[in-house]
Amino acid sequence: MTDFTGVHGIVTVDGGAIAIGECDIKFSRDISEYVRTGKYSKLKIPGGLDATGTIRRIQIDGDLMEKVMGAATTGTAVELHAGVAPPTAGTNTIDDMTDPAALSSIIQLEYLTQAVSAAGRLTLSGTDVNDAQQVEILTIAEGAAGTTVDSTKVFKTVEFATMVDYAQVDGTIGIDAITSRQDISAIGPGEYFDLVGYVESGSYYIKITLTNCWFTEGGIHFTDADSIVEESLPFVVKDLDVGTLITHVTA
């Protein structure tokens, strides 16, 4: 017999894992019944099947809430600096950002106009989403004009960039925030998503796949400093007969 606990559970929405949260998935069967003459009891047979659930997680972004609103979002590049020029060999330069407000984005560098002919480094200095100072060193490899390099860290602000060694004749490197400044620009139909919930321990697992789910509620519960802000998002399934799959290997 295999014993599973919550530590073995993983939930994904459209392929992305739900971090710091929990999920309930419930299947319920209606009862079809018929009154019978001369009987004390009703005849009962299995009726329609439904699946519902709730995702609860720490409020880390508005991505799932947007699925409730059916909102269009804008995630286009926001220019932090139009183009920093490379240093000469063996030196470094420091450039302040024209617009330091990255608003919790990853940062993208782009080789503008000309190729980078010799590798070097560019260090981003700013703050994280909790306003703590952070830096990230990005490698500027050789590459053609139009090449992009993305940060792995999320920056709330980028204050300045330090460049070392790389060579780019008559070209510059643009610095953009690319995934934030997302706004609810319209209210529309709720967005469907695919949900996979499974527990796995060693070679044993139970896996539930539900397609075309949609949230029925969403929002933010504001509380005091002793409580973590979380979101609770109940969901239903558009058509349980399509794309529902339960697989398991247990002993």
C-alpha atoms as a PDB file:
ATOM      1  CA  MET A   1       0.000   0.000   0.000  1.00  0.00           C
ATOM      2  CA  THR A   2       1.244   3.486  -0.894  1.00  0.00           C
ATOM      3  CA  ASP A   3       0.664   6.345   1.525  1.00  0.00           C
ATOM      4  CA  PHE A   4       0.407   9.854   0.102  1.00  0.00           C
ATOM      5  CA  THR A   5       0.523  13.112   2.031  1.00  0.00           C
ATOM      6  CA  GLY A   6       0.151  16.720   0.924  1.00  0.00           C
ATOM      7  CA  VAL A   7       3.894  16.972   0.321  1.00  0.00           C
ATOM      8  CA  HIS A   8       3.451  14.603  -2.637  1.00  0.00           C
ATOM      9  CA  GLY A   9       0.886  16.843  -4.345  1.00  0.00           C
ATOM     10  CA  ILE A  10       1.459  18.985  -7.439  1.00  0.00           C
ATOM     11  CA  VAL A  11      -1.114  21.152  -9.228  1.00  0.00           C
ATOM     12  CA  THR A  12      -0.583  22.821 -12.600  1.00  0.00           C
ATOM     13  CA  VAL A  13      -2.728  25.371 -14.470  1.00  0.00           C
ATOM     14  CA  ASP A  14      -2.030  25.435 -18.221  1.00  0.00           C
ATOM     15  CA  GLY A  15       1.258  23.656 -17.530  1.00  0.00           C
ATOM     16  CA  GLY A  16       2.509  26.057 -14.835  1.00  0.00           C
ATOM     17  CA  ALA A  17       2.828  24.759 -11.281  1.00  0.00           C
ATOM     18  CA  ILE A  18       0.780  26.495  -8.574  1.00  0.00           C
ATOM     19  CA  ALA A  19       3.309  27.532  -5.921  1.00  0.00           C
ATOM     20  CA  ILE A  20       2.586  27.980  -2.199  1.00  0.00           C
ATOM     21  CA  GLY A  21      -0.983  26.793  -2.385  1.00  0.00           C
ATOM     22  CA  GLU A  22      -3.441  23.936  -2.184  1.00  0.00           C
ATOM     23  CA  CYS A  23      -6.216  22.508  -4.335  1.00  0.00           C
ATOM     24  CA  ASP A  24      -9.387  20.477  -3.846  1.00  0.00           C
ATOM     25  CA  ILE A  25     -10.905  18.423  -6.682  1.00  0.00           C
ATOM     26  CA  LYS A  26     -14.311  16.865  -6.052  1.00  0.00           C
ATOM     27  CA  PHE A  27     -16.400  14.543  -8.208  1.00  0.00           C
ATOM     28  CA  SER A  28     -20.124  14.321  -7.379  1.00  0.00           C
ATOM     29  CA  ARG A  29     -22.823  12.079  -8.846  1.00  0.00           C
ATOM     30  CA  ASP A  30     -26.492  13.088  -9.023  1.00  0.00           C
ATOM     31  CA  ILE A  31     -29.238  10.635  -8.132  1.00  0.00           C
ATOM     32  CA  SER A  32     -31.904   9.737 -10.666  1.00  0.00           C
ATOM     33  CA  GLU A  33     -34.929   8.411  -8.782  1.00  0.00           C
ATOM     34  CA  TYR A  34     -38.393   7.140  -9.528  1.00  0.00           C
ATOM     35  CA  VAL A  35     -41.431   6.757  -7.267  1.00  0.00           C
ATOM     36  CA  ARG A  36     -42.878   3.219  -7.362  1.00  0.00           C
ATOM     37  CA  THR A  37     -46.425   2.162  -6.519  1.00  0.00           C
ATOM     38  CA  GLY A  38     -46.579  -0.459  -3.775  1.00  0.00           C
ATOM     39  CA  LYS A  39     -43.021   0.234  -2.611  1.00  0.00           C
ATOM     40  CA  TYR A  40     -41.798   2.039   0.466  1.00  0.00           C
ATOM     41  CA  SER A  41     -38.652   3.184  -1.299  1.00  0.00           C
ATOM     42  CA  LYS A  42     -37.776   5.015  -4.462  1.00  0.00           C
ATOM     43  CA  LEU A  43     -35.752   3.462  -7.242  1.00  0.00           C
ATOM     44  CA  LYS A  44     -32.372   5.179  -7.408  1.00  0.00           C
ATOM     45  CA  ILE A  45     -29.808   4.889 -10.194  1.00  0.00           C
ATOM     46  CA  PRO A  46     -26.606   6.844 -10.882  1.00  0.00           C
ATOM     47  CA  GLY A  47     -27.294  10.181 -12.564  1.00  0.00           C
ATOM     48  CA  GLY A  48     -25.137  12.936 -14.020  1.00  0.00           C
ATOM     49  CA  LEU A  49     -21.524  13.453 -12.954  1.00  0.00           C
ATOM     50  CA  ASP A  50     -19.946  16.787 -12.071  1.00  0.00           C
ATOM     51  CA  ALA A  51     -16.462  17.962 -11.078  1.00  0.00           C
ATOM     52  CA  THR A  52     -15.760  21.064  -9.016  1.00  0.00           C
ATOM     53  CA  GLY A  53     -12.829  22.333  -7.020  1.00  0.00           C
ATOM     54  CA  THR A  54     -11.043  25.235  -5.423  1.00  0.00           C
ATOM     55  CA  ILE A  55      -7.509  26.546  -5.765  1.00  0.00           C
ATOM     56  CA  ARG A  56      -6.184  28.428  -2.728  1.00  0.00           C
ATOM     57  CA  ARG A  57      -2.789  30.093  -2.765  1.00  0.00           C
ATOM     58  CA  ILE A  58      -0.787  32.999  -1.411  1.00  0.00           C
ATOM     59  CA  GLN A  59      -1.540  36.111  -3.477  1.00  0.00           C
ATOM     60  CA  ILE A  60       1.662  36.462  -5.507  1.00  0.00           C
ATOM     61  CA  ASP A  61       0.262  37.966  -8.727  1.00  0.00           C
ATOM     62  CA  GLY A  62      -2.980  38.693 -10.556  1.00  0.00           C
ATOM     63  CA  ASP A  63      -2.658  36.031 -13.259  1.00  0.00           C
ATOM     64  CA  LEU A  64      -5.389  33.711 -11.966  1.00  0.00           C
ATOM     65  CA  MET A  65      -7.683  36.599 -11.051  1.00  0.00           C
ATOM     66  CA  GLU A  66      -7.462  37.780 -14.661  1.00  0.00           C
ATOM     67  CA  LYS A  67      -8.904  34.425 -15.756  1.00  0.00           C
ATOM     68  CA  VAL A  68     -12.010  35.259 -13.699  1.00  0.00           C
ATOM     69  CA  MET A  69     -12.320  38.750 -15.187  1.00  0.00           C
ATOM     70  CA  GLY A  70     -11.710  37.630 -18.751  1.00  0.00           C
ATOM     71  CA  ALA A  71      -9.403  40.606 -19.045  1.00  0.00           C
ATOM     72  CA  ALA A  72      -6.993  41.510 -21.793  1.00  0.00           C
ATOM     73  CA  THR A  73      -3.515  42.230 -20.470  1.00  0.00           C
ATOM     74  CA  THR A  74      -0.634  44.208 -21.846  1.00  0.00           C
ATOM     75  CA  GLY A  75       2.791  42.665 -21.455  1.00  0.00           C
ATOM     76  CA  THR A  76       4.703  44.570 -24.092  1.00  0.00           C
ATOM     77  CA  ALA A  77       8.210  45.838 -23.509  1.00  0.00           C
ATOM     78  CA  VAL A  78       8.591  48.930 -21.359  1.00  0.00           C
ATOM     79  CA  GLU A  79      11.769  50.831 -22.135  1.00  0.00           C
ATOM     80  CA  LEU A  80      14.092  51.403 -19.172  1.00  0.00           C
ATOM     81  CA  HIS A  81      16.979  52.653 -21.317  1.00  0.00           C
ATOM     82  CA  ALA A  82      17.008  53.334 -25.059  1.00  0.00           C
ATOM     83  CA  GLY A  83      20.525  51.969 -25.467  1.00  0.00           C
ATOM     84  CA  VAL A  84      23.680  51.742 -23.356  1.00  0.00           C
ATOM     85  CA  ALA A  85      27.002  51.985 -25.194  1.00  0.00           C
ATOM     86  CA  PRO A  86      29.727  49.367 -24.661  1.00  0.00           C
ATOM     87  CA  PRO A  87      32.887  50.089 -22.689  1.00  0.00           C
ATOM     88  CA  THR A  88      36.339  49.876 -24.184  1.00  0.00           C
ATOM     89  CA  ALA A  89      38.344  46.702 -23.572  1.00  0.00           C
ATOM     90  CA  GLY A  90      39.365  46.204 -19.960  1.00  0.00           C
ATOM     91  CA  THR A  91      37.151  49.003 -18.613  1.00  0.00           C
ATOM     92  CA  ASN A  92      33.619  49.366 -17.336  1.00  0.00           C
ATOM     93  CA  THR A  93      30.874  51.935 -17.629  1.00  0.00           C
ATOM     94  CA  ILE A  94      27.846  52.676 -15.440  1.00  0.00           C
ATOM     95  CA  ASP A  95      24.582  53.981 -16.884  1.00  0.00           C
ATOM     96  CA  ASP A  96      21.547  55.115 -14.891  1.00  0.00           C
ATOM     97  CA  MET A  97      18.186  53.999 -16.248  1.00  0.00           C
ATOM     98  CA  THR A  98      16.019  56.602 -17.959  1.00  0.00           C
ATOM     99  CA  ASP A  99      12.965  54.927 -16.362  1.00  0.00           C
ATOM    100  CA  PRO A 100      13.871  52.762 -13.335  1.00  0.00           C
ATOM    101  CA  ALA A 101      10.313  51.436 -12.721  1.00  0.00           C
ATOM    102  CA  ALA A 102      10.363  47.821 -13.923  1.00  0.00           C
ATOM    103  CA  LEU A 103       7.250  47.008 -11.823  1.00  0.00           C
ATOM    104  CA  SER A 104       8.101  43.398 -10.993  1.00  0.00           C
ATOM    105  CA  SER A 105       9.303  42.240 -14.397  1.00  0.00           C
ATOM    106  CA  ILE A 106      12.059  40.154 -15.807  1.00  0.00           C
ATOM    107  CA  ILE A 107      14.493  42.339 -17.757  1.00  0.00           C
ATOM    108  CA  GLN A 108      15.418  41.858 -21.406  1.00  0.00           C
ATOM    109  CA  LEU A 109      18.543  43.147 -23.120  1.00  0.00           C
ATOM    110  CA  GLU A 110      18.554  43.561 -26.905  1.00  0.00           C
ATOM    111  CA  TYR A 111      21.551  44.093 -29.179  1.00  0.00           C
ATOM    112  CA  LEU A 112      20.522  47.200 -31.111  1.00  0.00           C
ATOM    113  CA  THR A 113      21.737  48.110 -34.604  1.00  0.00           C
ATOM    114  CA  GLN A 114      24.979  46.122 -34.523  1.00  0.00           C
ATOM    115  CA  ALA A 115      26.252  42.679 -33.522  1.00  0.00           C
ATOM    116  CA  VAL A 116      28.279  42.033 -30.372  1.00  0.00           C
ATOM    117  CA  SER A 117      31.699  40.884 -31.580  1.00  0.00           C
ATOM    118  CA  ALA A 118      33.352  40.106 -28.233  1.00  0.00           C
ATOM    119  CA  ALA A 119      31.737  38.740 -25.090  1.00  0.00           C
ATOM    120  CA  GLY A 120      31.444  40.582 -21.784  1.00  0.00           C
ATOM    121  CA  ARG A 121      29.101  41.168 -18.855  1.00  0.00           C
ATOM    122  CA  LEU A 122      26.281  43.511 -17.899  1.00  0.00           C
ATOM    123  CA  THR A 123      25.233  43.794 -14.258  1.00  0.00           C
ATOM    124  CA  LEU A 124      21.736  44.994 -13.383  1.00  0.00           C
ATOM    125  CA  SER A 125      21.384  46.754 -10.013  1.00  0.00           C
ATOM    126  CA  GLY A 126      18.001  47.507  -8.488  1.00  0.00           C
ATOM    127  CA  THR A 127      15.375  46.119  -6.103  1.00  0.00           C
ATOM    128  CA  ASP A 128      13.292  42.961  -5.905  1.00  0.00           C
ATOM    129  CA  VAL A 129       9.526  42.762  -5.374  1.00  0.00           C
ATOM    130  CA  ASN A 130      10.052  43.243  -1.614  1.00  0.00           C
ATOM    131  CA  ASP A 131      12.145  46.399  -2.138  1.00  0.00           C
ATOM    132  CA  ALA A 132      15.377  44.661  -1.131  1.00  0.00           C
ATOM    133  CA  GLN A 133      18.505  45.521  -3.101  1.00  0.00           C
ATOM    134  CA  GLN A 134      19.490  42.908  -5.671  1.00  0.00           C
ATOM    135  CA  VAL A 135      21.868  42.492  -8.591  1.00  0.00           C
ATOM    136  CA  GLU A 136      22.117  40.056 -11.473  1.00  0.00           C
ATOM    137  CA  ILE A 137      25.086  39.526 -13.762  1.00  0.00           C
ATOM    138  CA  LEU A 138      24.123  38.750 -17.368  1.00  0.00           C
ATOM    139  CA  THR A 139      26.553  37.378 -19.937  1.00  0.00           C
ATOM    140  CA  ILE A 140      26.771  39.414 -23.142  1.00  0.00           C
ATOM    141  CA  ALA A 141      27.764  36.708 -25.621  1.00  0.00           C
ATOM    142  CA  GLU A 142      28.724  37.235 -29.234  1.00  0.00           C
ATOM    143  CA  GLY A 143      25.592  37.578 -31.343  1.00  0.00           C
ATOM    144  CA  ALA A 144      23.857  39.334 -34.206  1.00  0.00           C
ATOM    145  CA  ALA A 145      21.824  42.525 -33.977  1.00  0.00           C
ATOM    146  CA  GLY A 146      18.410  41.698 -32.531  1.00  0.00           C
ATOM    147  CA  THR A 147      19.762  39.070 -30.115  1.00  0.00           C
ATOM    148  CA  THR A 148      18.048  39.191 -26.708  1.00  0.00           C
ATOM    149  CA  VAL A 149      19.195  38.149 -23.220  1.00  0.00           C
ATOM    150  CA  ASP A 150      16.682  37.735 -20.361  1.00  0.00           C
ATOM    151  CA  SER A 151      17.278  38.031 -16.638  1.00  0.00           C
ATOM    152  CA  THR A 152      16.311  35.134 -14.380  1.00  0.00           C
ATOM    153  CA  LYS A 153      15.417  37.443 -11.480  1.00  0.00           C
ATOM    154  CA  VAL A 154      12.346  39.680 -11.239  1.00  0.00           C
ATOM    155  CA  PHE A 155      13.083  43.378 -10.683  1.00  0.00           C
ATOM    156  CA  LYS A 156      10.729  45.953  -9.213  1.00  0.00           C
ATOM    157  CA  THR A 157      13.214  48.663 -10.182  1.00  0.00           C
ATOM    158  CA  VAL A 158      16.468  48.815 -12.141  1.00  0.00           C
ATOM    159  CA  GLU A 159      18.580  51.758 -11.014  1.00  0.00           C
ATOM    160  CA  PHE A 160      21.702  51.343 -13.147  1.00  0.00           C
ATOM    161  CA  ALA A 161      23.627  48.906 -15.334  1.00  0.00           C
ATOM    162  CA  THR A 162      27.351  48.218 -15.212  1.00  0.00           C
ATOM    163  CA  MET A 163      29.015  47.019 -18.433  1.00  0.00           C
ATOM    164  CA  VAL A 164      32.382  45.240 -18.621  1.00  0.00           C
ATOM    165  CA  ASP A 165      34.512  44.292 -21.648  1.00  0.00           C
ATOM    166  CA  TYR A 166      32.038  43.481 -24.429  1.00  0.00           C
ATOM    167  CA  ALA A 167      32.581  44.968 -27.902  1.00  0.00           C
ATOM    168  CA  GLN A 168      29.841  46.313 -30.185  1.00  0.00           C
ATOM    169  CA  VAL A 169      31.036  48.768 -32.819  1.00  0.00           C
ATOM    170  CA  ASP A 170      28.541  51.598 -33.437  1.00  0.00           C
ATOM    171  CA  GLY A 171      25.808  49.715 -31.572  1.00  0.00           C
ATOM    172  CA  THR A 172      24.076  49.824 -28.186  1.00  0.00           C
ATOM    173  CA  ILE A 173      22.157  47.489 -25.910  1.00  0.00           C
ATOM    174  CA  GLY A 174      18.551  48.323 -25.076  1.00  0.00           C
ATOM    175  CA  ILE A 175      17.207  47.481 -21.601  1.00  0.00           C
ATOM    176  CA  ASP A 176      13.477  46.726 -21.278  1.00  0.00           C
ATOM    177  CA  ALA A 177      11.035  45.385 -18.692  1.00  0.00           C
ATOM    178  CA  ILE A 178       9.004  42.825 -20.594  1.00  0.00           C
ATOM    179  CA  THR A 179       6.441  40.981 -18.468  1.00  0.00           C
ATOM    180  CA  SER A 180       4.908  43.451 -16.071  1.00  0.00           C
ATOM    181  CA  ARG A 181       2.721  46.534 -16.174  1.00  0.00           C
ATOM    182  CA  GLN A 182      -0.162  44.166 -16.890  1.00  0.00           C
ATOM    183  CA  ASP A 183      -3.478  45.952 -16.733  1.00  0.00           C
ATOM    184  CA  ILE A 184      -7.091  44.844 -16.844  1.00  0.00           C
ATOM    185  CA  SER A 185      -8.074  46.733 -19.962  1.00  0.00           C
ATOM    186  CA  ALA A 186     -11.476  45.148 -20.520  1.00  0.00           C
ATOM    187  CA  ILE A 187     -13.994  42.831 -18.900  1.00  0.00           C
ATOM    188  CA  GLY A 188     -14.810  39.848 -21.070  1.00  0.00           C
ATOM    189  CA  PRO A 189     -15.802  36.190 -20.997  1.00  0.00           C
ATOM    190  CA  GLY A 190     -14.064  34.018 -18.416  1.00  0.00           C
ATOM    191  CA  GLU A 191     -10.891  32.331 -19.595  1.00  0.00           C
ATOM    192  CA  TYR A 192     -10.691  28.530 -19.813  1.00  0.00           C
ATOM    193  CA  PHE A 193      -7.691  26.638 -18.473  1.00  0.00           C
ATOM    194  CA  ASP A 194      -6.477  23.056 -18.174  1.00  0.00           C
ATOM    195  CA  LEU A 195      -5.818  21.716 -14.698  1.00  0.00           C
ATOM    196  CA  VAL A 196      -3.704  18.735 -13.671  1.00  0.00           C
ATOM    197  CA  GLY A 197      -3.570  17.595 -10.060  1.00  0.00           C
ATOM    198  CA  TYR A 198      -1.517  14.630  -8.948  1.00  0.00           C
ATOM    199  CA  VAL A 199       0.228  12.992  -6.040  1.00  0.00           C
ATOM    200  CA  GLU A 200       3.422  11.071  -6.682  1.00  0.00           C
ATOM    201  CA  SER A 201       5.623   9.020  -4.415  1.00  0.00           C
ATOM    202  CA  GLY A 202       8.434   7.056  -6.016  1.00  0.00           C
ATOM    203  CA  SER A 203       6.954   5.084  -8.940  1.00  0.00           C
ATOM    204  CA  TYR A 204       3.386   5.381  -7.612  1.00  0.00           C
ATOM    205  CA  TYR A 205       0.996   8.174  -8.509  1.00  0.00           C
ATOM    206  CA  ILE A 206      -2.610   9.286  -8.924  1.00  0.00           C
ATOM    207  CA  LYS A 207      -3.212  11.903 -11.612  1.00  0.00           C
ATOM    208  CA  ILE A 208      -6.380  13.838 -12.538  1.00  0.00           C
ATOM    209  CA  THR A 209      -6.527  15.860 -15.762  1.00  0.00           C
ATOM    210  CA  LEU A 210      -9.406  18.293 -16.360  1.00  0.00           C
ATOM    211  CA  THR A 211      -9.657  20.403 -19.514  1.00  0.00           C
ATOM    212  CA  ASN A 212     -11.572  23.649 -20.123  1.00  0.00           C
ATOM    213  CA  CYS A 213     -12.022  24.586 -16.471  1.00  0.00           C
ATOM    214  CA  TRP A 214     -13.116  28.097 -15.509  1.00  0.00           C
ATOM    215  CA  PHE A 215     -13.167  30.040 -12.265  1.00  0.00           C
ATOM    216  CA  THR A 216     -16.533  31.086 -10.803  1.00  0.00           C
ATOM    217  CA  GLU A 217     -15.094  33.529  -8.229  1.00  0.00           C
ATOM    218  CA  GLY A 218     -11.918  35.422  -7.415  1.00  0.00           C
ATOM    219  CA  GLY A 219     -10.625  38.414  -5.491  1.00  0.00           C
ATOM    220  CA  ILE A 220      -8.413  39.531  -2.620  1.00  0.00           C
ATOM    221  CA  HIS A 221      -9.117  39.138   1.081  1.00  0.00           C
ATOM    222  CA  PHE A 222      -7.462  42.075   2.869  1.00  0.00           C
ATOM    223  CA  THR A 223      -6.418  41.314   6.435  1.00  0.00           C
ATOM    224  CA  ASP A 224      -3.936  42.369   9.133  1.00  0.00           C
ATOM    225  CA  ALA A 225      -0.176  42.074   9.465  1.00  0.00           C
ATOM    226  CA  ASP A 226      -0.420  38.678  11.166  1.00  0.00           C
ATOM    227  CA  SER A 227      -2.115  37.041   8.195  1.00  0.00           C
ATOM    228  CA  ILE A 228      -0.858  36.298   4.697  1.00  0.00           C
ATOM    229  CA  VAL A 229      -3.013  37.611   1.862  1.00  0.00           C
ATOM    230  CA  GLU A 230      -4.362  34.689  -0.131  1.00  0.00           C
ATOM    231  CA  GLU A 231      -6.818  34.093  -2.945  1.00  0.00           C
ATOM    232  CA  SER A 232      -9.507  31.418  -3.148  1.00  0.00           C
ATOM    233  CA  LEU A 233     -10.713  30.478  -6.626  1.00  0.00           C
ATOM    234  CA  PRO A 234     -13.553  27.949  -7.041  1.00  0.00           C
ATOM    235  CA  PHE A 235     -13.761  26.325 -10.480  1.00  0.00           C
ATOM    236  CA  VAL A 236     -16.013  24.118 -12.583  1.00  0.00           C
ATOM    237  CA  VAL A 237     -15.468  22.145 -15.799  1.00  0.00           C
ATOM    238  CA  LYS A 238     -17.084  23.137 -19.103  1.00  0.00           C
ATOM    239  CA  ASP A 239     -17.671  19.576 -20.352  1.00  0.00           C
ATOM    240  CA  LEU A 240     -16.642  16.680 -18.157  1.00  0.00           C
ATOM    241  CA  ASP A 241     -17.136  14.215 -21.027  1.00  0.00           C
ATOM    242  CA  VAL A 242     -14.282  15.842 -22.964  1.00  0.00           C
ATOM    243  CA  GLY A 243     -10.659  15.628 -21.901  1.00  0.00           C
ATOM    244  CA  THR A 244     -11.183  14.225 -18.393  1.00  0.00           C
ATOM    245  CA  LEU A 245      -8.620  11.606 -17.479  1.00  0.00           C
ATOM    246  CA  ILE A 246      -7.716   9.792 -14.268  1.00  0.00           C
ATOM    247  CA  THR A 247      -4.597   7.609 -14.283  1.00  0.00           C
ATOM    248  CA  HIS A 248      -2.923   5.848 -11.375  1.00  0.00           C
ATOM    249  CA  VAL A 249      -0.263   3.367 -10.441  1.00  0.00           C
ATOM    250  CA  THR A 250      -0.597   2.268  -6.820  1.00  0.00           C
ATOM    251  CA  ALA A 251       0.271  -0.763  -4.729  1.00  0.00           C
END
